[in-house]
């Protein structure tokens, strides 16, 4: 039986240093064009709060859906 091995293409075929260099150039270009996302402390805190509400608490516990629906992103009718 003949094994078919997929050949690596694109970024997968590059060494990690080359991948990092190319990715860095993309990030720098986005900032130069003014289209890169920039977090401020308030936006980061809100994102973390929302992520914490919808997570399982890190130990497989389900968090009730109710608190998430009361956030400012999901206004109540």
PDB file of N, CA and C in Angstrom:
ATOM      1  N   UNK A   1       0.837  -1.171   0.000  1.00  0.00           N
ATOM      2  CA  UNK A   1       0.000   0.000   0.000  1.00  0.00           C
ATOM      3  C   UNK A   1       0.891   1.247   0.000  1.00  0.00           C
ATOM      4  N   UNK A   2       0.556   2.217  -0.836  1.00  0.00           N
ATOM      5  CA  UNK A   2       1.342   3.431  -0.961  1.00  0.00           C
ATOM      6  C   UNK A   2       0.722   4.521  -0.089  1.00  0.00           C
ATOM      7  N   UNK A   3       1.563   5.144   0.740  1.00  0.00           N
ATOM      8  CA  UNK A   3       1.083   6.245   1.573  1.00  0.00           C
ATOM      9  C   UNK A   3       1.219   7.552   0.806  1.00  0.00           C
ATOM     10  N   UNK A   4       0.170   8.343   0.850  1.00  0.00           N
ATOM     11  CA  UNK A   4       0.210   9.664   0.235  1.00  0.00           C
ATOM     12  C   UNK A   4       0.363  10.690   1.345  1.00  0.00           C
ATOM     13  N   UNK A   5       1.456  11.412   1.306  1.00  0.00           N
ATOM     14  CA  UNK A   5       1.721  12.433   2.306  1.00  0.00           C
ATOM     15  C   UNK A   5       1.455  13.789   1.676  1.00  0.00           C
ATOM     16  N   UNK A   6       0.646  14.589   2.353  1.00  0.00           N
ATOM     17  CA  UNK A   6       0.369  15.930   1.842  1.00  0.00           C
ATOM     18  C   UNK A   6       1.632  16.775   1.935  1.00  0.00           C
ATOM     19  N   UNK A   7       1.938  17.469   0.866  1.00  0.00           N
ATOM     20  CA  UNK A   7       3.094  18.362   0.916  1.00  0.00           C
ATOM     21  C   UNK A   7       2.663  19.688   1.531  1.00  0.00           C
ATOM     22  N   UNK A   8       3.580  20.283   2.249  1.00  0.00           N
ATOM     23  CA  UNK A   8       3.290  21.573   2.873  1.00  0.00           C
ATOM     24  C   UNK A   8       3.306  22.661   1.817  1.00  0.00           C
ATOM     25  N   UNK A   9       2.382  23.598   1.961  1.00  0.00           N
ATOM     26  CA  UNK A   9       2.304  24.712   1.026  1.00  0.00           C
ATOM     27  C   UNK A   9       2.171  26.014   1.793  1.00  0.00           C
ATOM     28  N   UNK A  10       2.503  27.103   1.165  1.00  0.00           N
ATOM     29  CA  UNK A  10       2.330  28.416   1.774  1.00  0.00           C
ATOM     30  C   UNK A  10       3.142  28.587   3.045  1.00  0.00           C
ATOM     31  N   UNK A  11       2.500  29.135   4.085  1.00  0.00           N
ATOM     32  CA  UNK A  11       3.194  29.389   5.344  1.00  0.00           C
ATOM     33  C   UNK A  11       3.681  28.101   5.990  1.00  0.00           C
ATOM     34  N   UNK A  12       2.973  27.009   5.803  1.00  0.00           N
ATOM     35  CA  UNK A  12       3.373  25.741   6.420  1.00  0.00           C
ATOM     36  C   UNK A  12       4.716  25.257   5.886  1.00  0.00           C
ATOM     37  N   UNK A  13       5.072  25.644   4.676  1.00  0.00           N
ATOM     38  CA  UNK A  13       6.328  25.204   4.081  1.00  0.00           C
ATOM     39  C   UNK A  13       7.510  26.076   4.510  1.00  0.00           C
ATOM     40  N   UNK A  14       7.224  27.210   5.127  1.00  0.00           N
ATOM     41  CA  UNK A  14       8.290  28.140   5.515  1.00  0.00           C
ATOM     42  C   UNK A  14       8.818  27.824   6.908  1.00  0.00           C
ATOM     43  N   UNK A  15      10.046  28.252   7.143  1.00  0.00           N
ATOM     44  CA  UNK A  15      10.573  28.089   8.499  1.00  0.00           C
ATOM     45  C   UNK A  15       9.942  29.166   9.392  1.00  0.00           C
ATOM     46  N   UNK A  16       9.916  28.963  10.704  1.00  0.00           N
ATOM     47  CA  UNK A  16       9.243  29.903  11.611  1.00  0.00           C
ATOM     48  C   UNK A  16       9.753  31.338  11.531  1.00  0.00           C
ATOM     49  N   UNK A  17      11.040  31.518  11.290  1.00  0.00           N
ATOM     50  CA  UNK A  17      11.583  32.876  11.207  1.00  0.00           C
ATOM     51  C   UNK A  17      11.010  33.628  10.007  1.00  0.00           C
ATOM     52  N   UNK A  18      10.894  32.942   8.868  1.00  0.00           N
ATOM     53  CA  UNK A  18      10.339  33.565   7.669  1.00  0.00           C
ATOM     54  C   UNK A  18       8.867  33.896   7.877  1.00  0.00           C
ATOM     55  N   UNK A  19       8.121  32.983   8.489  1.00  0.00           N
ATOM     56  CA  UNK A  19       6.707  33.234   8.788  1.00  0.00           C
ATOM     57  C   UNK A  19       6.562  34.487   9.648  1.00  0.00           C
ATOM     58  N   UNK A  20       7.384  34.581  10.675  1.00  0.00           N
ATOM     59  CA  UNK A  20       7.309  35.712  11.600  1.00  0.00           C
ATOM     60  C   UNK A  20       7.637  37.022  10.894  1.00  0.00           C
ATOM     61  N   UNK A  21       8.650  37.000  10.032  1.00  0.00           N
ATOM     62  CA  UNK A  21       9.046  38.215   9.314  1.00  0.00           C
ATOM     63  C   UNK A  21       7.919  38.697   8.399  1.00  0.00           C
ATOM     64  N   UNK A  22       7.297  37.785   7.663  1.00  0.00           N
ATOM     65  CA  UNK A  22       6.215  38.158   6.749  1.00  0.00           C
ATOM     66  C   UNK A  22       4.997  38.662   7.525  1.00  0.00           C
ATOM     67  N   UNK A  23       4.653  37.974   8.612  1.00  0.00           N
ATOM     68  CA  UNK A  23       3.514  38.399   9.426  1.00  0.00           C
ATOM     69  C   UNK A  23       3.762  39.780  10.026  1.00  0.00           C
ATOM     70  N   UNK A  24       4.986  40.034  10.434  1.00  0.00           N
ATOM     71  CA  UNK A  24       5.339  41.331  11.001  1.00  0.00           C
ATOM     72  C   UNK A  24       5.165  42.437   9.970  1.00  0.00           C
ATOM     73  N   UNK A  25       5.564  42.172   8.743  1.00  0.00           N
ATOM     74  CA  UNK A  25       5.405  43.171   7.682  1.00  0.00           C
ATOM     75  C   UNK A  25       3.934  43.495   7.461  1.00  0.00           C
ATOM     76  N   UNK A  26       3.074  42.474   7.519  1.00  0.00           N
ATOM     77  CA  UNK A  26       1.638  42.703   7.356  1.00  0.00           C
ATOM     78  C   UNK A  26       1.076  43.573   8.466  1.00  0.00           C
ATOM     79  N   UNK A  27       1.496  43.310   9.694  1.00  0.00           N
ATOM     80  CA  UNK A  27       1.025  44.115  10.820  1.00  0.00           C
ATOM     81  C   UNK A  27       1.489  45.550  10.729  1.00  0.00           C
ATOM     82  N   UNK A  28       2.728  45.741  10.327  1.00  0.00           N
ATOM     83  CA  UNK A  28       3.265  47.098  10.193  1.00  0.00           C
ATOM     84  C   UNK A  28       2.544  47.858   9.090  1.00  0.00           C
ATOM     85  N   UNK A  29       2.224  47.172   7.990  1.00  0.00           N
ATOM     86  CA  UNK A  29       1.516  47.815   6.887  1.00  0.00           C
ATOM     87  C   UNK A  29       0.113  48.242   7.319  1.00  0.00           C
ATOM     88  N   UNK A  30      -0.556  47.399   8.099  1.00  0.00           N
ATOM     89  CA  UNK A  30      -1.905  47.735   8.564  1.00  0.00           C
ATOM     90  C   UNK A  30      -1.874  48.971   9.455  1.00  0.00           C
ATOM     91  N   UNK A  31      -0.899  49.057  10.342  1.00  0.00           N
ATOM     92  CA  UNK A  31      -0.793  50.229  11.209  1.00  0.00           C
ATOM     93  C   UNK A  31      -0.470  51.475  10.395  1.00  0.00           C
ATOM     94  N   UNK A  32       0.391  51.331   9.402  1.00  0.00           N
ATOM     95  CA  UNK A  32       0.762  52.474   8.561  1.00  0.00           C
ATOM     96  C   UNK A  32      -0.452  52.998   7.791  1.00  0.00           C
ATOM     97  N   UNK A  33      -1.327  52.090   7.353  1.00  0.00           N
ATOM     98  CA  UNK A  33      -2.532  52.484   6.614  1.00  0.00           C
ATOM     99  C   UNK A  33      -3.646  52.968   7.537  1.00  0.00           C
ATOM    100  N   UNK A  34      -3.478  52.736   8.828  1.00  0.00           N
ATOM    101  CA  UNK A  34      -4.494  53.170   9.782  1.00  0.00           C
ATOM    102  C   UNK A  34      -5.687  52.238   9.884  1.00  0.00           C
ATOM    103  N   UNK A  35      -5.537  50.994   9.443  1.00  0.00           N
ATOM    104  CA  UNK A  35      -6.658  50.050   9.482  1.00  0.00           C
ATOM    105  C   UNK A  35      -6.477  48.960  10.538  1.00  0.00           C
ATOM    106  N   UNK A  36      -5.395  49.020  11.298  1.00  0.00           N
ATOM    107  CA  UNK A  36      -5.152  48.010  12.332  1.00  0.00           C
ATOM    108  C   UNK A  36      -5.998  48.322  13.559  1.00  0.00           C
ATOM    109  N   UNK A  37      -6.455  47.270  14.222  1.00  0.00           N
ATOM    110  CA  UNK A  37      -7.256  47.461  15.436  1.00  0.00           C
ATOM    111  C   UNK A  37      -6.346  47.845  16.589  1.00  0.00           C
ATOM    112  N   UNK A  38      -6.756  48.830  17.350  1.00  0.00           N
ATOM    113  CA  UNK A  38      -5.990  49.241  18.525  1.00  0.00           C
ATOM    114  C   UNK A  38      -6.912  49.224  19.732  1.00  0.00           C
ATOM    115  N   UNK A  39      -6.512  48.472  20.750  1.00  0.00           N
ATOM    116  CA  UNK A  39      -7.301  48.360  21.973  1.00  0.00           C
ATOM    117  C   UNK A  39      -6.964  49.504  22.919  1.00  0.00           C
ATOM    118  N   UNK A  40      -7.986  50.040  23.562  1.00  0.00           N
ATOM    119  CA  UNK A  40      -7.741  50.899  24.707  1.00  0.00           C
ATOM    120  C   UNK A  40      -8.128  50.087  25.947  1.00  0.00           C
ATOM    121  N   UNK A  41      -7.795  50.568  27.110  1.00  0.00           N
ATOM    122  CA  UNK A  41      -8.020  49.799  28.338  1.00  0.00           C
ATOM    123  C   UNK A  41      -9.500  49.493  28.550  1.00  0.00           C
ATOM    124  N   UNK A  42     -10.363  50.434  28.229  1.00  0.00           N
ATOM    125  CA  UNK A  42     -11.800  50.237  28.440  1.00  0.00           C
ATOM    126  C   UNK A  42     -12.351  49.149  27.515  1.00  0.00           C
ATOM    127  N   UNK A  43     -11.976  49.185  26.235  1.00  0.00           N
ATOM    128  CA  UNK A  43     -12.456  48.179  25.283  1.00  0.00           C
ATOM    129  C   UNK A  43     -11.920  46.796  25.632  1.00  0.00           C
ATOM    130  N   UNK A  44     -10.672  46.722  26.055  1.00  0.00           N
ATOM    131  CA  UNK A  44     -10.081  45.436  26.425  1.00  0.00           C
ATOM    132  C   UNK A  44     -10.766  44.862  27.661  1.00  0.00           C
ATOM    133  N   UNK A  45     -11.078  45.711  28.630  1.00  0.00           N
ATOM    134  CA  UNK A  45     -11.757  45.250  29.841  1.00  0.00           C
ATOM    135  C   UNK A  45     -13.145  44.717  29.511  1.00  0.00           C
ATOM    136  N   UNK A  46     -13.870  45.412  28.652  1.00  0.00           N
ATOM    137  CA  UNK A  46     -15.209  44.969  28.262  1.00  0.00           C
ATOM    138  C   UNK A  46     -15.147  43.643  27.507  1.00  0.00           C
ATOM    139  N   UNK A  47     -14.188  43.506  26.603  1.00  0.00           N
ATOM    140  CA  UNK A  47     -14.042  42.247  25.867  1.00  0.00           C
ATOM    141  C   UNK A  47     -13.722  41.102  26.819  1.00  0.00           C
ATOM    142  N   UNK A  48     -12.866  41.342  27.779  1.00  0.00           N
ATOM    143  CA  UNK A  48     -12.533  40.318  28.761  1.00  0.00           C
ATOM    144  C   UNK A  48     -13.716  39.948  29.623  1.00  0.00           C
ATOM    145  N   UNK A  49     -14.520  40.934  29.972  1.00  0.00           N
ATOM    146  CA  UNK A  49     -15.709  40.686  30.785  1.00  0.00           C
ATOM    147  C   UNK A  49     -16.708  39.814  30.013  1.00  0.00           C
ATOM    148  N   UNK A  50     -16.930  40.135  28.750  1.00  0.00           N
ATOM    149  CA  UNK A  50     -17.854  39.360  27.923  1.00  0.00           C
ATOM    150  C   UNK A  50     -17.318  37.944  27.726  1.00  0.00           C
ATOM    151  N   UNK A  51     -16.030  37.837  27.433  1.00  0.00           N
ATOM    152  CA  UNK A  51     -15.438  36.512  27.256  1.00  0.00           C
ATOM    153  C   UNK A  51     -15.519  35.675  28.512  1.00  0.00           C
ATOM    154  N   UNK A  52     -15.339  36.298  29.654  1.00  0.00           N
ATOM    155  CA  UNK A  52     -15.439  35.575  30.915  1.00  0.00           C
ATOM    156  C   UNK A  52     -16.847  35.095  31.192  1.00  0.00           C
ATOM    157  N   UNK A  53     -17.825  35.854  30.775  1.00  0.00           N
ATOM    158  CA  UNK A  53     -19.220  35.463  31.000  1.00  0.00           C
ATOM    159  C   UNK A  53     -19.617  34.267  30.151  1.00  0.00           C
ATOM    160  N   UNK A  54     -19.123  34.202  28.926  1.00  0.00           N
ATOM    161  CA  UNK A  54     -19.543  33.121  28.039  1.00  0.00           C
ATOM    162  C   UNK A  54     -18.649  31.893  28.147  1.00  0.00           C
ATOM    163  N   UNK A  55     -17.556  31.991  28.885  1.00  0.00           N
ATOM    164  CA  UNK A  55     -16.684  30.828  29.031  1.00  0.00           C
ATOM    165  C   UNK A  55     -17.280  29.849  30.021  1.00  0.00           C
ATOM    166  N   UNK A  56     -16.687  28.707  30.101  1.00  0.00           N
ATOM    167  CA  UNK A  56     -17.142  27.681  31.039  1.00  0.00           C
ATOM    168  C   UNK A  56     -16.424  27.819  32.376  1.00  0.00           C
ATOM    169  N   UNK A  57     -15.747  28.889  32.602  1.00  0.00           N
ATOM    170  CA  UNK A  57     -15.078  29.094  33.868  1.00  0.00           C
ATOM    171  C   UNK A  57     -13.774  28.338  33.988  1.00  0.00           C
ATOM    172  N   UNK A  58     -13.307  27.729  32.922  1.00  0.00           N
ATOM    173  CA  UNK A  58     -12.022  27.054  32.923  1.00  0.00           C
ATOM    174  C   UNK A  58     -12.039  25.647  33.472  1.00  0.00           C
ATOM    175  N   UNK A  59     -13.157  25.196  34.013  1.00  0.00           N
ATOM    176  CA  UNK A  59     -13.186  23.857  34.594  1.00  0.00           C
ATOM    177  C   UNK A  59     -14.385  23.056  34.116  1.00  0.00           C
ATOM    178  N   UNK A  60     -14.910  23.389  32.951  1.00  0.00           N
ATOM    179  CA  UNK A  60     -16.020  22.632  32.404  1.00  0.00           C
ATOM    180  C   UNK A  60     -17.374  23.014  32.968  1.00  0.00           C
ATOM    181  N   UNK A  61     -17.422  24.045  33.809  1.00  0.00           N
ATOM    182  CA  UNK A  61     -18.706  24.464  34.376  1.00  0.00           C
ATOM    183  C   UNK A  61     -19.457  25.298  33.346  1.00  0.00           C
ATOM    184  N   UNK A  62     -20.721  25.058  33.235  1.00  0.00           N
ATOM    185  CA  UNK A  62     -21.541  25.891  32.369  1.00  0.00           C
ATOM    186  C   UNK A  62     -21.975  27.126  33.143  1.00  0.00           C
ATOM    187  N   UNK A  63     -21.869  28.260  32.499  1.00  0.00           N
ATOM    188  CA  UNK A  63     -22.286  29.512  33.106  1.00  0.00           C
ATOM    189  C   UNK A  63     -23.713  29.778  32.646  1.00  0.00           C
ATOM    190  N   UNK A  64     -24.607  30.203  33.525  1.00  0.00           N
ATOM    191  CA  UNK A  64     -25.983  30.490  33.102  1.00  0.00           C
ATOM    192  C   UNK A  64     -25.999  31.522  31.980  1.00  0.00           C
ATOM    193  N   UNK A  65     -26.906  31.371  31.042  1.00  0.00           N
ATOM    194  CA  UNK A  65     -26.994  32.260  29.887  1.00  0.00           C
ATOM    195  C   UNK A  65     -27.524  33.628  30.293  1.00  0.00           C
ATOM    196  N   UNK A  66     -28.357  33.702  31.285  1.00  0.00           N
ATOM    197  CA  UNK A  66     -29.017  34.938  31.702  1.00  0.00           C
ATOM    198  C   UNK A  66     -28.077  36.130  31.880  1.00  0.00           C
ATOM    199  N   UNK A  67     -26.952  36.037  32.620  1.00  0.00           N
ATOM    200  CA  UNK A  67     -26.095  37.219  32.799  1.00  0.00           C
ATOM    201  C   UNK A  67     -25.533  37.775  31.497  1.00  0.00           C
ATOM    202  N   UNK A  68     -25.249  36.935  30.531  1.00  0.00           N
ATOM    203  CA  UNK A  68     -24.696  37.399  29.261  1.00  0.00           C
ATOM    204  C   UNK A  68     -25.730  38.229  28.519  1.00  0.00           C
ATOM    205  N   UNK A  69     -26.977  37.815  28.584  1.00  0.00           N
ATOM    206  CA  UNK A  69     -28.024  38.519  27.855  1.00  0.00           C
ATOM    207  C   UNK A  69     -28.336  39.891  28.449  1.00  0.00           C
ATOM    208  N   UNK A  70     -27.868  40.166  29.639  1.00  0.00           N
ATOM    209  CA  UNK A  70     -28.133  41.461  30.269  1.00  0.00           C
ATOM    210  C   UNK A  70     -27.025  42.476  30.021  1.00  0.00           C
ATOM    211  N   UNK A  71     -26.011  42.118  29.262  1.00  0.00           N
ATOM    212  CA  UNK A  71     -24.929  43.063  29.011  1.00  0.00           C
ATOM    213  C   UNK A  71     -25.405  44.154  28.053  1.00  0.00           C
ATOM    214  N   UNK A  72     -24.613  45.201  27.922  1.00  0.00           N
ATOM    215  CA  UNK A  72     -25.013  46.311  27.052  1.00  0.00           C
ATOM    216  C   UNK A  72     -25.050  45.905  25.583  1.00  0.00           C
ATOM    217  N   UNK A  73     -24.384  44.790  25.236  1.00  0.00           N
ATOM    218  CA  UNK A  73     -24.365  44.342  23.848  1.00  0.00           C
ATOM    219  C   UNK A  73     -25.621  43.566  23.480  1.00  0.00           C
ATOM    220  N   UNK A  74     -26.383  43.144  24.475  1.00  0.00           N
ATOM    221  CA  UNK A  74     -27.615  42.401  24.246  1.00  0.00           C
ATOM    222  C   UNK A  74     -28.729  43.061  25.055  1.00  0.00           C
ATOM    223  N   UNK A  75     -29.215  44.219  24.617  1.00  0.00           N
ATOM    224  CA  UNK A  75     -30.223  44.932  25.399  1.00  0.00           C
ATOM    225  C   UNK A  75     -31.503  44.115  25.547  1.00  0.00           C
ATOM    226  N   UNK A  76     -32.117  44.248  26.710  1.00  0.00           N
ATOM    227  CA  UNK A  76     -33.374  43.554  26.976  1.00  0.00           C
ATOM    228  C   UNK A  76     -34.519  44.330  26.329  1.00  0.00           C
ATOM    229  N   UNK A  77     -35.547  43.627  25.867  1.00  0.00           N
ATOM    230  CA  UNK A  77     -36.697  44.320  25.244  1.00  0.00           C
ATOM    231  C   UNK A  77     -37.490  45.111  26.256  1.00  0.00           C
TER     232      UNK A  77
END
